[in-house]
């Protein structure tokens, strides 16, 4: 089974290719193997030293890779059939070579045929406004409305001349998404509206409608028989999905299941096939579609952190809070041996991590209390196992690699 261009972009980013190389990496893999992990080439060149070229990036295998230094020691024939391993070896070779010269499809220019529009100039943006939109919206989690649905999002849109005055004091789920669209500069792709059926009509009319989730997609809830129009019940935006679930950020909503929302909440996991999920508006963003739709890549999972970095704010400051491993270790030393509920001076950072673990399903939300006791230690060990660690490496004491993965998914930064 072949991987699509978007799947190869996703894989290349996971393998460590930098933002400016992700599109080139995907194009080189397409040129080398047409995206087939099982591809075998250069068999007539095989000899006592060299084996055939294997996999997505057609990495030339070595008969005895253990006899060579890094990265040649990675040229293990059977392992190179693995897409992730193959991409990581390609990244190691590309790093050592300070570029793409080891690949003939790059030096000949053939890889350009697989770039958007077939030209190097069409490489997708190195900064993502979709990621900017999602980070803006996610940072609003916890906001609560005023009396009679009064909210700051309608006010800002009205003050900026982007919305009529009547948008204030209305049900504001679409107003919140419209505010994020405006703040991130996505008005060419997403509609500004206060009325959910307008969005359904807009996306269907553009041919941008799907029954599959996509990062940055607006998900519409309801049925085809809603009183005001199909999918007219509610709207949120997708920031993560896997084979079964979506994770969203929404306004004028809640996490209790009640019909009346009171603020901005991160929601999920929500089953993709849940009866109230009507469909998704999926614009052709310049960054490309990170989509589960077979037409647009057919990814099994993706997160907004797979997109290029968001454009820097004018003041150059990153608003995400810090979590420091050293301070978490202090909390563990202080809290585990103390009475239940004891909180060290690092409790605010512990609480950030605990809330993230709760959203991942590793910790009961009632124990997200800022105390790194035995339950949090056990929950973090489960997260480490989820990240692939075993034995002593999954003991509940935070390490940089697993904590960075948690931070990328839950909007905080990690330091030592």
Foldseek 3Di string as FASTA:
>chain_A
DFFDLLRQLLLLVVLPDALVCSNLRSLLLCVVAVRQLADWAPCVVDDQFWHIQGGSNRHIAGPQLVVDDPPSVLRHPVVSSDSNSVSNSVVRVCVVVVHDVVRPCVVVLVSLCVGVVSHPVLHFDLADLLLVLVLVLLVFAPFFADPLRADVLLVVCVVVVNDPPVLGSDLCFLSSSLSSCVVSVNCVFAPRDRWVQVRVVVLVVVVQWDLWAWASWKWAWAACPDPVGGSGQHIWGFFKDAQFFTKTWTAQADAPPDSGRTGIHIDDRDGSVPPGGRTIRGTQGSQAIRICDPVGGNDRIDGSLSTRHHDADPVRDQPAAEAELVVVVVLAVPQAPDPPLDADPRLVNQLLLQVLLVRVVLAPVVSSRSHCYPSQLNSQLVLVVVVPDDDPSSRSRDDDPSVVVSCSRRRHHYHD
